[in-house]
Amino acid sequence: MMNFRPGKFLMMILIICLLSATHLGCAPQNTQEPKTNMKDKIIKLPEPKMEGETFLEEALNERESVRNFANEELSLEQISQLLWAAHGRTLDAISSATRNAPSAGALHPLEIYILMKDGVYHHDVENHVLNEIMDEDKRLELADAALGQSSIKDAPMNVVITAVYERTTAKYGERAVRYVHLEAGHAAQNILLQATSMGLGGVPIGAFHDDEVKEVLSLPQDYEPLYIVPIGYPAE
């Protein structure tokens, strides 16, 4: 009588399964995650400059709210400089904890998006790159979500400052909401002063429907919009 060996029997079944995978449906599954959007692209931003032609005191004195913009696009160098000023890593920082805008507990709850004629982008601070979110002009929709403010649709670039409150509330509780709002103010002022020093203008906008802005940008559920800052060359 033939001895039954379970281990040998299971090995034979496995071999048969692999040889006839197309018929039995036993082929190994592809574990690679599918790409969600084949149009996504990454734009490497130029290194920010550490020297400018305008002193801080001059920028403070000249800064004013600009709502009318010339029909002139911003360069990649200008975009890089503005985003770096907003919340970028200081260039001599040993770790990512040191940023241009102070953050309670170095928890950095802010996430920044920009809207331009050619699409919507998220700023990856660690790598200083732009990740494309969508490749269509959403400025008019953003303006509609902000009570029809024309400066948003006319500006060549809109900076949208959003926050993930949980990053800070996990440590500081309810008090963290105040800290996050203060940080958004730091970032917005950095943007406006940097814009002024570069011959640009801008205006901080807080009047908008949060849910509509989140829809326009397809924001994650826990990302809350706090500020819209249109930036461009002042119209003469």
Protein backbone atom coordinates (compact mmCIF):
# COMPACT_ATOMS: atom_id res chain seq x y z
CA MET A 1 0.00 0.00 0.00
CA MET A 2 1.39 3.43 -0.98
CA ASN A 3 2.25 5.72 1.96
CA PHE A 4 0.40 9.10 1.88
CA ARG A 5 2.73 12.07 2.43
CA PRO A 6 0.76 15.35 2.87
CA GLY A 7 3.80 17.57 2.30
CA LYS A 8 4.65 15.92 -1.01
CA PHE A 9 1.01 15.98 -2.09
CA LEU A 10 0.69 19.76 -1.41
CA MET A 11 3.91 20.43 -3.32
CA MET A 12 2.53 18.59 -6.35
CA ILE A 13 -0.69 20.65 -6.22
CA LEU A 14 1.32 23.90 -6.07
CA ILE A 15 3.41 22.90 -9.11
CA ILE A 16 0.30 22.00 -11.11
CA CYS A 17 -1.31 25.29 -10.11
CA LEU A 18 1.67 27.34 -11.29
CA LEU A 19 1.96 25.45 -14.59
CA SER A 20 -1.72 25.96 -15.41
CA ALA A 21 -2.12 29.45 -13.96
CA THR A 22 -3.95 30.84 -16.95
CA HIS A 23 -6.60 28.15 -16.66
CA LEU A 24 -6.90 27.72 -12.91
CA GLY A 25 -6.50 31.38 -11.83
CA CYS A 26 -3.58 30.58 -9.52
CA ALA A 27 -1.03 33.04 -10.93
CA PRO A 28 0.72 35.22 -8.32
CA GLN A 29 -1.00 38.59 -7.92
CA ASN A 30 0.73 41.82 -8.92
CA THR A 31 1.35 43.65 -5.64
CA GLN A 32 2.47 46.92 -7.26
CA GLU A 33 0.07 49.76 -6.47
CA PRO A 34 -1.65 51.17 -9.55
CA LYS A 35 -1.07 54.77 -10.53
CA THR A 36 -4.11 56.87 -9.75
CA ASN A 37 -3.46 59.59 -12.33
CA MET A 38 -1.17 59.09 -15.31
CA LYS A 39 -1.16 62.87 -15.92
CA ASP A 40 0.50 63.66 -12.59
CA LYS A 41 3.83 65.44 -12.95
CA ILE A 42 6.50 66.78 -10.64
CA ILE A 43 8.19 70.13 -11.22
CA LYS A 44 11.57 70.61 -9.59
CA LEU A 45 11.84 74.16 -8.28
CA PRO A 46 15.07 76.17 -8.57
CA GLU A 47 17.07 76.79 -5.41
CA PRO A 48 15.89 79.96 -3.64
CA LYS A 49 18.17 82.98 -3.55
CA MET A 50 19.64 84.18 -0.28
CA GLU A 51 20.37 87.72 -1.41
CA GLY A 52 17.96 90.28 -2.79
CA GLU A 53 17.94 93.88 -3.91
CA THR A 54 15.47 95.10 -1.27
CA PHE A 55 16.14 95.48 2.44
CA LEU A 56 13.56 94.17 4.90
CA GLU A 57 12.76 97.69 6.07
CA GLU A 58 11.99 98.74 2.49
CA ALA A 59 9.71 95.74 1.95
CA LEU A 60 7.84 96.49 5.19
CA ASN A 61 7.40 100.11 4.17
CA GLU A 62 6.33 99.33 0.59
CA ARG A 63 4.01 96.40 1.25
CA GLU A 64 0.37 97.15 0.48
CA SER A 65 -2.64 95.15 -0.62
CA VAL A 66 -2.65 94.75 -4.40
CA ARG A 67 -5.87 93.53 -6.04
CA ASN A 68 -5.32 94.48 -9.69
CA PHE A 69 -2.74 92.50 -11.62
CA ALA A 70 -1.02 92.83 -14.98
CA ASN A 71 -1.39 90.05 -17.52
CA GLU A 72 2.09 88.64 -16.95
CA GLU A 73 3.01 85.16 -15.77
CA LEU A 74 5.46 84.47 -12.95
CA SER A 75 8.71 82.65 -13.59
CA LEU A 76 9.58 79.33 -11.97
CA GLU A 77 12.31 81.15 -10.03
CA GLN A 78 9.76 83.58 -8.60
CA ILE A 79 7.36 80.78 -7.66
CA SER A 80 10.21 78.92 -5.96
CA GLN A 81 11.21 81.98 -3.96
CA LEU A 82 7.66 82.71 -2.80
CA LEU A 83 6.98 79.16 -1.66
CA TRP A 84 10.32 78.92 0.08
CA ALA A 85 9.58 82.18 1.92
CA ALA A 86 6.16 80.89 2.97
CA HIS A 87 7.22 77.77 4.85
CA GLY A 88 10.34 76.39 3.23
CA ARG A 89 13.28 74.82 5.01
CA THR A 90 16.09 77.17 5.92
CA LEU A 91 19.04 76.19 3.78
CA ASP A 92 21.44 75.63 6.69
CA ALA A 93 18.93 73.52 8.63
CA ILE A 94 20.19 70.20 9.94
CA SER A 95 16.67 68.77 10.01
CA SER A 96 13.32 69.54 8.39
CA ALA A 97 12.12 71.04 11.68
CA THR A 98 13.66 74.43 10.89
CA ARG A 99 11.42 76.41 8.57
CA ASN A 100 11.02 80.05 7.58
CA ALA A 101 7.72 80.32 9.46
CA PRO A 102 7.76 79.45 13.18
CA SER A 103 5.59 76.47 14.10
CA ALA A 104 4.37 75.42 17.55
CA GLY A 105 6.26 72.30 18.57
CA ALA A 106 7.84 72.20 15.09
CA LEU A 107 4.77 70.18 14.02
CA HIS A 108 4.20 72.08 10.75
CA PRO A 109 0.45 71.69 10.13
CA LEU A 110 0.43 73.85 6.99
CA GLU A 111 0.10 72.47 3.46
CA ILE A 112 0.34 74.94 0.60
CA TYR A 113 -1.24 74.75 -2.85
CA ILE A 114 -0.94 77.07 -5.83
CA LEU A 115 -3.40 77.68 -8.66
CA MET A 116 -2.15 78.95 -12.00
CA LYS A 117 -3.33 79.02 -15.60
CA ASP A 118 -1.93 75.56 -16.31
CA GLY A 119 -3.18 73.77 -13.21
CA VAL A 120 -3.24 73.17 -9.46
CA TYR A 121 -0.11 72.10 -7.58
CA HIS A 122 0.85 71.05 -4.07
CA HIS A 123 4.18 72.21 -2.65
CA ASP A 124 6.32 69.37 -1.33
CA VAL A 125 8.46 71.18 1.23
CA GLU A 126 10.97 68.41 1.87
CA ASN A 127 11.96 68.10 -1.78
CA HIS A 128 11.03 71.66 -2.82
CA VAL A 129 9.00 70.45 -5.80
CA LEU A 130 5.50 71.01 -7.14
CA ASN A 131 3.24 67.98 -7.41
CA GLU A 132 0.51 68.41 -10.00
CA ILE A 133 -2.98 67.86 -8.63
CA MET A 134 -4.91 68.72 -11.78
CA ASP A 135 -3.99 70.18 -15.16
CA GLU A 136 -6.76 72.74 -15.64
CA ASP A 137 -7.27 76.39 -14.75
CA LYS A 138 -9.31 76.56 -11.53
CA ARG A 139 -8.85 80.24 -10.73
CA LEU A 140 -12.36 81.28 -11.77
CA GLU A 141 -13.90 78.49 -9.68
CA LEU A 142 -11.75 79.53 -6.74
CA ALA A 143 -12.90 83.14 -7.19
CA ASP A 144 -16.52 81.98 -7.18
CA ALA A 145 -15.86 80.11 -3.93
CA ALA A 146 -14.44 83.37 -2.53
CA LEU A 147 -17.54 85.47 -3.10
CA GLY A 148 -16.54 86.43 -6.63
CA GLN A 149 -13.39 88.37 -5.75
CA SER A 150 -11.83 89.30 -9.09
CA SER A 151 -8.25 89.48 -7.79
CA ILE A 152 -8.27 85.67 -7.51
CA LYS A 153 -9.24 85.00 -11.12
CA ASP A 154 -6.96 87.75 -12.46
CA ALA A 155 -3.79 86.90 -10.52
CA PRO A 156 -1.28 84.69 -12.36
CA MET A 157 -0.84 82.69 -9.15
CA ASN A 158 -2.97 82.07 -6.09
CA VAL A 159 -1.38 80.62 -2.97
CA VAL A 160 -3.84 78.66 -0.85
CA ILE A 161 -2.68 77.98 2.71
CA THR A 162 -4.37 74.96 4.26
CA ALA A 163 -3.89 73.30 7.63
CA VAL A 164 -4.12 69.82 9.10
CA TYR A 165 -5.17 70.69 12.65
CA GLU A 166 -4.64 67.18 14.02
CA ARG A 167 -0.88 67.50 13.66
CA THR A 168 -0.91 70.19 16.35
CA THR A 169 -3.98 69.33 18.42
CA ALA A 170 -2.51 65.91 19.14
CA LYS A 171 0.04 67.68 21.34
CA TYR A 172 -1.61 70.93 22.41
CA GLY A 173 -5.32 70.15 22.46
CA GLU A 174 -7.82 72.95 21.83
CA ARG A 175 -5.15 75.62 22.25
CA ALA A 176 -3.53 74.29 19.07
CA VAL A 177 -6.19 75.91 16.88
CA ARG A 178 -4.83 79.31 17.86
CA TYR A 179 -1.28 78.18 17.16
CA VAL A 180 -2.21 76.95 13.70
CA HIS A 181 -3.91 80.23 12.82
CA LEU A 182 -0.89 82.20 14.03
CA GLU A 183 1.36 80.06 11.86
CA ALA A 184 -0.82 80.69 8.81
CA GLY A 185 -0.41 84.41 9.48
CA HIS A 186 3.37 84.05 9.66
CA ALA A 187 3.43 82.23 6.31
CA ALA A 188 1.13 84.75 4.62
CA GLN A 189 3.23 87.71 5.77
CA ASN A 190 6.38 85.98 4.55
CA ILE A 191 4.76 85.58 1.12
CA LEU A 192 3.67 89.21 0.96
CA LEU A 193 7.04 90.61 2.04
CA GLN A 194 8.89 88.34 -0.38
CA ALA A 195 6.53 89.39 -3.17
CA THR A 196 7.09 93.07 -2.39
CA SER A 197 10.87 92.65 -2.43
CA MET A 198 10.59 91.07 -5.90
CA GLY A 199 8.48 93.86 -7.39
CA LEU A 200 5.28 91.82 -7.08
CA GLY A 201 2.11 92.46 -5.15
CA GLY A 202 -0.53 90.45 -3.39
CA VAL A 203 -3.43 90.50 -0.96
CA PRO A 204 -4.41 88.06 1.82
CA ILE A 205 -8.01 86.87 1.51
CA GLY A 206 -9.99 85.14 4.23
CA ALA A 207 -13.51 85.56 2.86
CA PHE A 208 -14.50 82.31 1.16
CA HIS A 209 -16.68 79.24 1.58
CA ASP A 210 -14.44 76.57 3.07
CA ASP A 211 -16.30 73.59 1.61
CA GLU A 212 -16.31 75.09 -1.87
CA VAL A 213 -12.57 75.79 -1.76
CA LYS A 214 -11.95 72.23 -0.63
CA GLU A 215 -14.01 70.98 -3.55
CA VAL A 216 -12.20 73.15 -6.11
CA LEU A 217 -8.81 71.90 -4.94
CA SER A 218 -9.96 68.32 -4.25
CA LEU A 219 -8.45 68.64 -0.78
CA PRO A 220 -8.21 65.67 1.57
CA GLN A 221 -10.96 65.65 4.18
CA ASP A 222 -8.70 66.83 7.03
CA TYR A 223 -7.13 69.72 5.08
CA GLU A 224 -8.81 73.02 6.01
CA PRO A 225 -8.29 76.16 3.87
CA LEU A 226 -7.27 79.23 5.89
CA TYR A 227 -5.95 81.80 3.44
CA ILE A 228 -5.96 82.66 -0.25
CA VAL A 229 -3.16 84.95 -1.41
CA PRO A 230 -3.30 86.16 -5.04
CA ILE A 231 0.16 87.17 -6.29
CA GLY A 232 1.28 88.94 -9.45
CA TYR A 233 2.71 92.05 -11.05
CA PRO A 234 0.68 95.13 -10.00
CA ALA A 235 -1.36 96.62 -12.83
CA GLU A 236 -0.26 100.11 -13.82
